[in-house]
Amino acid sequence: MGSRHLEVIHGTIEKGKGALPHAHPGIEQVCYVLEGRAIAEVGGQRKELGPGDCCFFPPDEMHVFTVVSEEPARILVIYSPPYEESPERVVRPA
């Protein structure tokens, strides 16, 4: 897109799928739910999200995102700075 400080991704995620515990060093992340339902977990908090809801994952914080609706969830994921699906920009628990 040409942006140096922002990345927006549209994704469709099936029930039971999402992101296992991980963190993005120095990268902020927002997930905005367009359709379906998902559970977001970060910093000891757990929240079920539906259409129109969003969650914020601070940089360096382990987080989890799991779709719980029968129908696939459509999600906008926003990263700042861009994540670019780079393996060196993700940390998983030991």
PDB file of N, CA and C in Angstrom:
ATOM      1  N   MET A   1       0.816  -1.195   0.000  1.00  0.00           N
ATOM      2  CA  MET A   1       0.000   0.000   0.000  1.00  0.00           C
ATOM      3  C   MET A   1       0.857   1.255   0.000  1.00  0.00           C
ATOM      4  N   GLY A   2       2.098   1.137   0.380  1.00  0.00           N
ATOM      5  CA  GLY A   2       2.958   2.303   0.386  1.00  0.00           C
ATOM      6  C   GLY A   2       3.155   2.936   1.753  1.00  0.00           C
ATOM      7  N   SER A   3       2.348   2.543   2.735  1.00  0.00           N
ATOM      8  CA  SER A   3       2.482   3.112   4.072  1.00  0.00           C
ATOM      9  C   SER A   3       3.722   2.537   4.759  1.00  0.00           C
ATOM     10  N   ARG A   4       4.459   3.387   5.441  1.00  0.00           N
ATOM     11  CA  ARG A   4       5.619   2.937   6.199  1.00  0.00           C
ATOM     12  C   ARG A   4       5.278   2.648   7.651  1.00  0.00           C
ATOM     13  N   HIS A   5       4.109   3.108   8.129  1.00  0.00           N
ATOM     14  CA  HIS A   5       3.792   3.015   9.551  1.00  0.00           C
ATOM     15  C   HIS A   5       2.516   2.248   9.862  1.00  0.00           C
ATOM     16  N   LEU A   6       1.839   1.729   8.832  1.00  0.00           N
ATOM     17  CA  LEU A   6       0.546   1.092   9.051  1.00  0.00           C
ATOM     18  C   LEU A   6       0.342  -0.025   8.037  1.00  0.00           C
ATOM     19  N   GLU A   7      -0.206  -1.156   8.514  1.00  0.00           N
ATOM     20  CA  GLU A   7      -0.553  -2.267   7.642  1.00  0.00           C
ATOM     21  C   GLU A   7      -1.958  -2.724   8.011  1.00  0.00           C
ATOM     22  N   VAL A   8      -2.838  -2.895   7.014  1.00  0.00           N
ATOM     23  CA  VAL A   8      -4.205  -3.352   7.237  1.00  0.00           C
ATOM     24  C   VAL A   8      -4.406  -4.615   6.407  1.00  0.00           C
ATOM     25  N   ILE A   9      -4.876  -5.687   7.071  1.00  0.00           N
ATOM     26  CA  ILE A   9      -5.077  -6.976   6.420  1.00  0.00           C
ATOM     27  C   ILE A   9      -6.517  -7.415   6.651  1.00  0.00           C
ATOM     28  N   HIS A  10      -7.164  -7.934   5.617  1.00  0.00           N
ATOM     29  CA  HIS A  10      -8.498  -8.523   5.748  1.00  0.00           C
ATOM     30  C   HIS A  10      -8.319 -10.035   5.726  1.00  0.00           C
ATOM     31  N   GLY A  11      -8.881 -10.704   6.732  1.00  0.00           N
ATOM     32  CA  GLY A  11      -8.740 -12.156   6.783  1.00  0.00           C
ATOM     33  C   GLY A  11     -10.045 -12.840   7.127  1.00  0.00           C
ATOM     34  N   THR A  12     -10.166 -14.096   6.707  1.00  0.00           N
ATOM     35  CA  THR A  12     -11.290 -14.947   7.063  1.00  0.00           C
ATOM     36  C   THR A  12     -10.729 -16.133   7.833  1.00  0.00           C
ATOM     37  N   ILE A  13     -11.287 -16.386   9.024  1.00  0.00           N
ATOM     38  CA  ILE A  13     -10.750 -17.412   9.915  1.00  0.00           C
ATOM     39  C   ILE A  13     -11.878 -18.373  10.293  1.00  0.00           C
ATOM     40  N   GLU A  14     -11.619 -19.671  10.181  1.00  0.00           N
ATOM     41  CA  GLU A  14     -12.594 -20.713  10.496  1.00  0.00           C
ATOM     42  C   GLU A  14     -12.699 -20.934  12.006  1.00  0.00           C
ATOM     43  N   LYS A  15     -13.820 -21.538  12.442  1.00  0.00           N
ATOM     44  CA  LYS A  15     -14.044 -21.855  13.852  1.00  0.00           C
ATOM     45  C   LYS A  15     -12.871 -22.663  14.416  1.00  0.00           C
ATOM     46  N   GLY A  16     -12.427 -22.293  15.622  1.00  0.00           N
ATOM     47  CA  GLY A  16     -11.343 -22.984  16.296  1.00  0.00           C
ATOM     48  C   GLY A  16      -9.958 -22.567  15.841  1.00  0.00           C
ATOM     49  N   LYS A  17      -9.885 -21.753  14.821  1.00  0.00           N
ATOM     50  CA  LYS A  17      -8.590 -21.290  14.302  1.00  0.00           C
ATOM     51  C   LYS A  17      -8.336 -19.859  14.763  1.00  0.00           C
ATOM     52  N   GLY A  18      -7.140 -19.376  14.526  1.00  0.00           N
ATOM     53  CA  GLY A  18      -6.773 -18.010  14.907  1.00  0.00           C
ATOM     54  C   GLY A  18      -5.289 -17.930  15.139  1.00  0.00           C
ATOM     55  N   ALA A  19      -4.906 -17.401  16.283  1.00  0.00           N
ATOM     56  CA  ALA A  19      -3.489 -17.222  16.611  1.00  0.00           C
ATOM     57  C   ALA A  19      -3.206 -17.785  17.995  1.00  0.00           C
ATOM     58  N   LEU A  20      -2.260 -18.720  18.060  1.00  0.00           N
ATOM     59  CA  LEU A  20      -1.806 -19.252  19.341  1.00  0.00           C
ATOM     60  C   LEU A  20      -1.051 -18.156  20.092  1.00  0.00           C
ATOM     61  N   PRO A  21      -0.719 -18.366  21.384  1.00  0.00           N
ATOM     62  CA  PRO A  21      -0.006 -17.325  22.129  1.00  0.00           C
ATOM     63  C   PRO A  21       1.263 -16.861  21.400  1.00  0.00           C
ATOM     64  N   HIS A  22       1.365 -15.542  21.263  1.00  0.00           N
ATOM     65  CA  HIS A  22       2.525 -14.941  20.608  1.00  0.00           C
ATOM     66  C   HIS A  22       2.533 -13.446  20.923  1.00  0.00           C
ATOM     67  N   ALA A  23       3.625 -12.781  20.581  1.00  0.00           N
ATOM     68  CA  ALA A  23       3.759 -11.328  20.758  1.00  0.00           C
ATOM     69  C   ALA A  23       4.502 -10.776  19.554  1.00  0.00           C
ATOM     70  N   HIS A  24       4.322  -9.492  19.323  1.00  0.00           N
ATOM     71  CA  HIS A  24       5.019  -8.803  18.243  1.00  0.00           C
ATOM     72  C   HIS A  24       5.910  -7.716  18.861  1.00  0.00           C
ATOM     73  N   PRO A  25       7.224  -7.912  18.882  1.00  0.00           N
ATOM     74  CA  PRO A  25       8.115  -6.913  19.465  1.00  0.00           C
ATOM     75  C   PRO A  25       7.994  -5.558  18.763  1.00  0.00           C
ATOM     76  N   GLY A  26       7.632  -4.545  19.528  1.00  0.00           N
ATOM     77  CA  GLY A  26       7.572  -3.181  19.006  1.00  0.00           C
ATOM     78  C   GLY A  26       6.420  -2.909  18.048  1.00  0.00           C
ATOM     79  N   ILE A  27       5.451  -3.837  17.940  1.00  0.00           N
ATOM     80  CA  ILE A  27       4.349  -3.668  16.993  1.00  0.00           C
ATOM     81  C   ILE A  27       3.012  -3.656  17.734  1.00  0.00           C
ATOM     82  N   GLU A  28       2.212  -2.604  17.512  1.00  0.00           N
ATOM     83  CA  GLU A  28       0.853  -2.549  18.028  1.00  0.00           C
ATOM     84  C   GLU A  28      -0.064  -3.275  17.052  1.00  0.00           C
ATOM     85  N   GLN A  29      -1.127  -3.907  17.596  1.00  0.00           N
ATOM     86  CA  GLN A  29      -2.061  -4.642  16.739  1.00  0.00           C
ATOM     87  C   GLN A  29      -3.494  -4.380  17.192  1.00  0.00           C
ATOM     88  N   VAL A  30      -4.377  -4.172  16.227  1.00  0.00           N
ATOM     89  CA  VAL A  30      -5.805  -4.040  16.480  1.00  0.00           C
ATOM     90  C   VAL A  30      -6.514  -5.057  15.604  1.00  0.00           C
ATOM     91  N   CYS A  31      -7.485  -5.794  16.180  1.00  0.00           N
ATOM     92  CA  CYS A  31      -8.335  -6.699  15.404  1.00  0.00           C
ATOM     93  C   CYS A  31      -9.759  -6.167  15.474  1.00  0.00           C
ATOM     94  N   TYR A  32     -10.365  -5.944  14.307  1.00  0.00           N
ATOM     95  CA  TYR A  32     -11.730  -5.437  14.193  1.00  0.00           C
ATOM     96  C   TYR A  32     -12.577  -6.531  13.550  1.00  0.00           C
ATOM     97  N   VAL A  33     -13.647  -6.950  14.241  1.00  0.00           N
ATOM     98  CA  VAL A  33     -14.488  -8.043  13.763  1.00  0.00           C
ATOM     99  C   VAL A  33     -15.574  -7.495  12.833  1.00  0.00           C
ATOM    100  N   LEU A  34     -15.603  -8.011  11.609  1.00  0.00           N
ATOM    101  CA  LEU A  34     -16.630  -7.642  10.637  1.00  0.00           C
ATOM    102  C   LEU A  34     -17.814  -8.611  10.697  1.00  0.00           C
ATOM    103  N   GLU A  35     -17.519  -9.909  10.805  1.00  0.00           N
ATOM    104  CA  GLU A  35     -18.542 -10.958  10.884  1.00  0.00           C
ATOM    105  C   GLU A  35     -18.024 -12.073  11.781  1.00  0.00           C
ATOM    106  N   GLY A  36     -18.943 -12.784  12.443  1.00  0.00           N
ATOM    107  CA  GLY A  36     -18.568 -13.904  13.289  1.00  0.00           C
ATOM    108  C   GLY A  36     -18.241 -13.458  14.707  1.00  0.00           C
ATOM    109  N   ARG A  37     -17.725 -14.410  15.483  1.00  0.00           N
ATOM    110  CA  ARG A  37     -17.374 -14.138  16.871  1.00  0.00           C
ATOM    111  C   ARG A  37     -16.001 -14.745  17.161  1.00  0.00           C
ATOM    112  N   ALA A  38     -15.253 -14.086  18.048  1.00  0.00           N
ATOM    113  CA  ALA A  38     -13.919 -14.559  18.413  1.00  0.00           C
ATOM    114  C   ALA A  38     -13.645 -14.186  19.865  1.00  0.00           C
ATOM    115  N   ILE A  39     -12.705 -14.874  20.445  1.00  0.00           N
ATOM    116  CA  ILE A  39     -12.236 -14.541  21.801  1.00  0.00           C
ATOM    117  C   ILE A  39     -10.821 -14.010  21.697  1.00  0.00           C
ATOM    118  N   ALA A  40     -10.604 -12.855  22.314  1.00  0.00           N
ATOM    119  CA  ALA A  40      -9.278 -12.240  22.384  1.00  0.00           C
ATOM    120  C   ALA A  40      -8.793 -12.324  23.820  1.00  0.00           C
ATOM    121  N   GLU A  41      -7.527 -12.675  24.001  1.00  0.00           N
ATOM    122  CA  GLU A  41      -6.923 -12.751  25.331  1.00  0.00           C
ATOM    123  C   GLU A  41      -5.606 -11.995  25.323  1.00  0.00           C
ATOM    124  N   VAL A  42      -5.452 -11.098  26.311  1.00  0.00           N
ATOM    125  CA  VAL A  42      -4.204 -10.350  26.464  1.00  0.00           C
ATOM    126  C   VAL A  42      -4.123  -9.811  27.884  1.00  0.00           C
ATOM    127  N   GLY A  43      -2.946  -9.839  28.465  1.00  0.00           N
ATOM    128  CA  GLY A  43      -2.731  -9.256  29.788  1.00  0.00           C
ATOM    129  C   GLY A  43      -3.668  -9.777  30.864  1.00  0.00           C
ATOM    130  N   GLY A  44      -4.007 -11.066  30.808  1.00  0.00           N
ATOM    131  CA  GLY A  44      -4.888 -11.647  31.814  1.00  0.00           C
ATOM    132  C   GLY A  44      -6.365 -11.349  31.595  1.00  0.00           C
ATOM    133  N   GLN A  45      -6.695 -10.677  30.518  1.00  0.00           N
ATOM    134  CA  GLN A  45      -8.094 -10.379  30.202  1.00  0.00           C
ATOM    135  C   GLN A  45      -8.536 -11.223  29.017  1.00  0.00           C
ATOM    136  N   ARG A  46      -9.794 -11.630  29.051  1.00  0.00           N
ATOM    137  CA  ARG A  46     -10.387 -12.452  27.990  1.00  0.00           C
ATOM    138  C   ARG A  46     -11.738 -11.853  27.649  1.00  0.00           C
ATOM    139  N   LYS A  47     -12.000 -11.643  26.360  1.00  0.00           N
ATOM    140  CA  LYS A  47     -13.241 -10.983  25.939  1.00  0.00           C
ATOM    141  C   LYS A  47     -13.741 -11.618  24.654  1.00  0.00           C
ATOM    142  N   GLU A  48     -15.049 -11.895  24.611  1.00  0.00           N
ATOM    143  CA  GLU A  48     -15.651 -12.361  23.364  1.00  0.00           C
ATOM    144  C   GLU A  48     -16.051 -11.149  22.541  1.00  0.00           C
ATOM    145  N   LEU A  49     -15.716 -11.189  21.263  1.00  0.00           N
ATOM    146  CA  LEU A  49     -15.964 -10.081  20.352  1.00  0.00           C
ATOM    147  C   LEU A  49     -16.939 -10.514  19.259  1.00  0.00           C
ATOM    148  N   GLY A  50     -17.775  -9.570  18.827  1.00  0.00           N
ATOM    149  CA  GLY A  50     -18.688  -9.805  17.720  1.00  0.00           C
ATOM    150  C   GLY A  50     -18.568  -8.692  16.704  1.00  0.00           C
ATOM    151  N   PRO A  51     -19.423  -8.700  15.685  1.00  0.00           N
ATOM    152  CA  PRO A  51     -19.353  -7.672  14.644  1.00  0.00           C
ATOM    153  C   PRO A  51     -19.373  -6.255  15.227  1.00  0.00           C
ATOM    154  N   GLY A  52     -18.426  -5.444  14.789  1.00  0.00           N
ATOM    155  CA  GLY A  52     -18.310  -4.072  15.273  1.00  0.00           C
ATOM    156  C   GLY A  52     -17.401  -3.906  16.474  1.00  0.00           C
ATOM    157  N   ASP A  53     -16.964  -5.027  17.085  1.00  0.00           N
ATOM    158  CA  ASP A  53     -16.049  -4.963  18.235  1.00  0.00           C
ATOM    159  C   ASP A  53     -14.610  -5.015  17.749  1.00  0.00           C
ATOM    160  N   CYS A  54     -13.718  -4.439  18.574  1.00  0.00           N
ATOM    161  CA  CYS A  54     -12.294  -4.543  18.264  1.00  0.00           C
ATOM    162  C   CYS A  54     -11.513  -4.737  19.554  1.00  0.00           C
ATOM    163  N   CYS A  55     -10.283  -5.186  19.409  1.00  0.00           N
ATOM    164  CA  CYS A  55      -9.393  -5.352  20.557  1.00  0.00           C
ATOM    165  C   CYS A  55      -8.027  -4.798  20.187  1.00  0.00           C
ATOM    166  N   PHE A  56      -7.280  -4.426  21.213  1.00  0.00           N
ATOM    167  CA  PHE A  56      -5.940  -3.868  21.039  1.00  0.00           C
ATOM    168  C   PHE A  56      -4.938  -4.770  21.731  1.00  0.00           C
ATOM    169  N   PHE A  57      -3.894  -5.139  21.011  1.00  0.00           N
ATOM    170  CA  PHE A  57      -2.795  -5.906  21.577  1.00  0.00           C
ATOM    171  C   PHE A  57      -1.568  -4.999  21.614  1.00  0.00           C
ATOM    172  N   PRO A  58      -1.120  -4.611  22.820  1.00  0.00           N
ATOM    173  CA  PRO A  58       0.055  -3.739  22.927  1.00  0.00           C
ATOM    174  C   PRO A  58       1.323  -4.436  22.425  1.00  0.00           C
ATOM    175  N   PRO A  59       2.331  -3.658  22.051  1.00  0.00           N
ATOM    176  CA  PRO A  59       3.599  -4.260  21.627  1.00  0.00           C
ATOM    177  C   PRO A  59       4.180  -5.122  22.747  1.00  0.00           C
ATOM    178  N   ASP A  60       4.796  -6.210  22.366  1.00  0.00           N
ATOM    179  CA  ASP A  60       5.530  -7.089  23.288  1.00  0.00           C
ATOM    180  C   ASP A  60       4.642  -7.889  24.236  1.00  0.00           C
ATOM    181  N   GLU A  61       3.315  -7.779  24.163  1.00  0.00           N
ATOM    182  CA  GLU A  61       2.397  -8.509  25.053  1.00  0.00           C
ATOM    183  C   GLU A  61       1.948  -9.804  24.391  1.00  0.00           C
ATOM    184  N   MET A  62       2.101 -10.926  25.117  1.00  0.00           N
ATOM    185  CA  MET A  62       1.583 -12.196  24.613  1.00  0.00           C
ATOM    186  C   MET A  62       0.063 -12.081  24.478  1.00  0.00           C
ATOM    187  N   HIS A  63      -0.473 -12.590  23.365  1.00  0.00           N
ATOM    188  CA  HIS A  63      -1.911 -12.545  23.141  1.00  0.00           C
ATOM    189  C   HIS A  63      -2.365 -13.750  22.325  1.00  0.00           C
ATOM    190  N   VAL A  64      -3.689 -14.006  22.383  1.00  0.00           N
ATOM    191  CA  VAL A  64      -4.317 -15.126  21.689  1.00  0.00           C
ATOM    192  C   VAL A  64      -5.586 -14.605  21.041  1.00  0.00           C
ATOM    193  N   PHE A  65      -5.923 -15.130  19.859  1.00  0.00           N
ATOM    194  CA  PHE A  65      -7.150 -14.752  19.159  1.00  0.00           C
ATOM    195  C   PHE A  65      -7.726 -16.020  18.549  1.00  0.00           C
ATOM    196  N   THR A  66      -8.974 -16.386  18.946  1.00  0.00           N
ATOM    197  CA  THR A  66      -9.579 -17.636  18.502  1.00  0.00           C
ATOM    198  C   THR A  66     -11.009 -17.412  18.059  1.00  0.00           C
ATOM    199  N   VAL A  67     -11.367 -17.898  16.881  1.00  0.00           N
ATOM    200  CA  VAL A  67     -12.740 -17.795  16.374  1.00  0.00           C
ATOM    201  C   VAL A  67     -13.599 -18.850  17.059  1.00  0.00           C
ATOM    202  N   VAL A  68     -14.779 -18.433  17.555  1.00  0.00           N
ATOM    203  CA  VAL A  68     -15.675 -19.339  18.271  1.00  0.00           C
ATOM    204  C   VAL A  68     -17.033 -19.501  17.586  1.00  0.00           C
ATOM    205  N   SER A  69     -17.335 -18.712  16.576  1.00  0.00           N
ATOM    206  CA  SER A  69     -18.627 -18.820  15.890  1.00  0.00           C
ATOM    207  C   SER A  69     -18.612 -19.997  14.914  1.00  0.00           C
ATOM    208  N   GLU A  70     -19.803 -20.542  14.639  1.00  0.00           N
ATOM    209  CA  GLU A  70     -19.922 -21.633  13.669  1.00  0.00           C
ATOM    210  C   GLU A  70     -19.502 -21.169  12.284  1.00  0.00           C
ATOM    211  N   GLU A  71     -19.905 -19.949  11.927  1.00  0.00           N
ATOM    212  CA  GLU A  71     -19.514 -19.413  10.622  1.00  0.00           C
ATOM    213  C   GLU A  71     -18.121 -18.798  10.727  1.00  0.00           C
ATOM    214  N   PRO A  72     -17.396 -18.766   9.614  1.00  0.00           N
ATOM    215  CA  PRO A  72     -16.075 -18.127   9.643  1.00  0.00           C
ATOM    216  C   PRO A  72     -16.190 -16.661  10.075  1.00  0.00           C
ATOM    217  N   ALA A  73     -15.155 -16.173  10.712  1.00  0.00           N
ATOM    218  CA  ALA A  73     -15.102 -14.765  11.107  1.00  0.00           C
ATOM    219  C   ALA A  73     -14.307 -13.992  10.063  1.00  0.00           C
ATOM    220  N   ARG A  74     -14.806 -12.824   9.725  1.00  0.00           N
ATOM    221  CA  ARG A  74     -14.065 -11.910   8.852  1.00  0.00           C
ATOM    222  C   ARG A  74     -13.495 -10.818   9.737  1.00  0.00           C
ATOM    223  N   ILE A  75     -12.201 -10.602   9.643  1.00  0.00           N
ATOM    224  CA  ILE A  75     -11.469  -9.720  10.555  1.00  0.00           C
ATOM    225  C   ILE A  75     -10.608  -8.741   9.770  1.00  0.00           C
ATOM    226  N   LEU A  76     -10.562  -7.492  10.243  1.00  0.00           N
ATOM    227  CA  LEU A  76      -9.534  -6.556   9.787  1.00  0.00           C
ATOM    228  C   LEU A  76      -8.460  -6.547  10.868  1.00  0.00           C
ATOM    229  N   VAL A  77      -7.224  -6.739  10.465  1.00  0.00           N
ATOM    230  CA  VAL A  77      -6.100  -6.706  11.402  1.00  0.00           C
ATOM    231  C   VAL A  77      -5.219  -5.533  10.996  1.00  0.00           C
ATOM    232  N   ILE A  78      -4.947  -4.665  11.972  1.00  0.00           N
ATOM    233  CA  ILE A  78      -4.154  -3.458  11.716  1.00  0.00           C
ATOM    234  C   ILE A  78      -2.881  -3.533  12.560  1.00  0.00           C
ATOM    235  N   TYR A  79      -1.739  -3.348  11.911  1.00  0.00           N
ATOM    236  CA  TYR A  79      -0.443  -3.349  12.593  1.00  0.00           C
ATOM    237  C   TYR A  79       0.228  -1.998  12.406  1.00  0.00           C
ATOM    238  N   SER A  80       0.923  -1.557  13.454  1.00  0.00           N
ATOM    239  CA  SER A  80       1.738  -0.363  13.346  1.00  0.00           C
ATOM    240  C   SER A  80       2.968  -0.535  14.237  1.00  0.00           C
ATOM    241  N   PRO A  81       4.168  -0.481  13.651  1.00  0.00           N
ATOM    242  CA  PRO A  81       4.490  -0.441  12.229  1.00  0.00           C
ATOM    243  C   PRO A  81       4.111  -1.769  11.572  1.00  0.00           C
ATOM    244  N   PRO A  82       4.189  -1.856  10.236  1.00  0.00           N
ATOM    245  CA  PRO A  82       3.792  -3.073   9.537  1.00  0.00           C
ATOM    246  C   PRO A  82       4.519  -4.315  10.045  1.00  0.00           C
ATOM    247  N   TYR A  83       3.773  -5.408  10.142  1.00  0.00           N
ATOM    248  CA  TYR A  83       4.279  -6.714  10.568  1.00  0.00           C
ATOM    249  C   TYR A  83       4.857  -7.467   9.374  1.00  0.00           C
ATOM    250  N   GLU A  84       4.182  -7.409   8.254  1.00  0.00           N
ATOM    251  CA  GLU A  84       4.619  -8.022   7.002  1.00  0.00           C
ATOM    252  C   GLU A  84       4.821  -9.532   7.090  1.00  0.00           C
ATOM    253  N   GLU A  85       4.144 -10.186   8.061  1.00  0.00           N
ATOM    254  CA  GLU A  85       4.241 -11.639   8.235  1.00  0.00           C
ATOM    255  C   GLU A  85       5.684 -12.117   8.312  1.00  0.00           C
ATOM    256  N   SER A  86       6.544 -11.290   8.896  1.00  0.00           N
ATOM    257  CA  SER A  86       7.965 -11.628   9.022  1.00  0.00           C
ATOM    258  C   SER A  86       8.191 -12.471  10.274  1.00  0.00           C
ATOM    259  N   PRO A  87       8.751 -13.677  10.126  1.00  0.00           N
ATOM    260  CA  PRO A  87       8.985 -14.537  11.294  1.00  0.00           C
ATOM    261  C   PRO A  87       9.807 -13.875  12.394  1.00  0.00           C
ATOM    262  N   GLU A  88      10.734 -12.985  12.020  1.00  0.00           N
ATOM    263  CA  GLU A  88      11.544 -12.329  13.050  1.00  0.00           C
ATOM    264  C   GLU A  88      10.763 -11.265  13.815  1.00  0.00           C
ATOM    265  N   ARG A  89       9.527 -11.008  13.416  1.00  0.00           N
ATOM    266  CA  ARG A  89       8.703 -10.005  14.104  1.00  0.00           C
ATOM    267  C   ARG A  89       7.625 -10.641  14.975  1.00  0.00           C
ATOM    268  N   VAL A  90       7.843 -11.908  15.354  1.00  0.00           N
ATOM    269  CA  VAL A  90       6.910 -12.591  16.252  1.00  0.00           C
ATOM    270  C   VAL A  90       7.714 -13.379  17.271  1.00  0.00           C
ATOM    271  N   VAL A  91       7.215 -13.411  18.503  1.00  0.00           N
ATOM    272  CA  VAL A  91       7.826 -14.161  19.601  1.00  0.00           C
ATOM    273  C   VAL A  91       6.776 -15.104  20.148  1.00  0.00           C
ATOM    274  N   ARG A  92       7.131 -16.364  20.323  1.00  0.00           N
ATOM    275  CA  ARG A  92       6.226 -17.367  20.909  1.00  0.00           C
ATOM    276  C   ARG A  92       6.758 -17.748  22.284  1.00  0.00           C
ATOM    277  N   PRO A  93       5.864 -18.207  23.163  1.00  0.00           N
ATOM    278  CA  PRO A  93       6.338 -18.597  24.499  1.00  0.00           C
ATOM    279  C   PRO A  93       7.350 -19.735  24.418  1.00  0.00           C
ATOM    280  N   ALA A  94       8.251 -19.767  25.361  1.00  0.00           N
ATOM    281  CA  ALA A  94       9.291 -20.818  25.382  1.00  0.00           C
ATOM    282  C   ALA A  94       8.737 -22.155  25.761  1.00  0.00           C
TER     283      ALA A  94
END
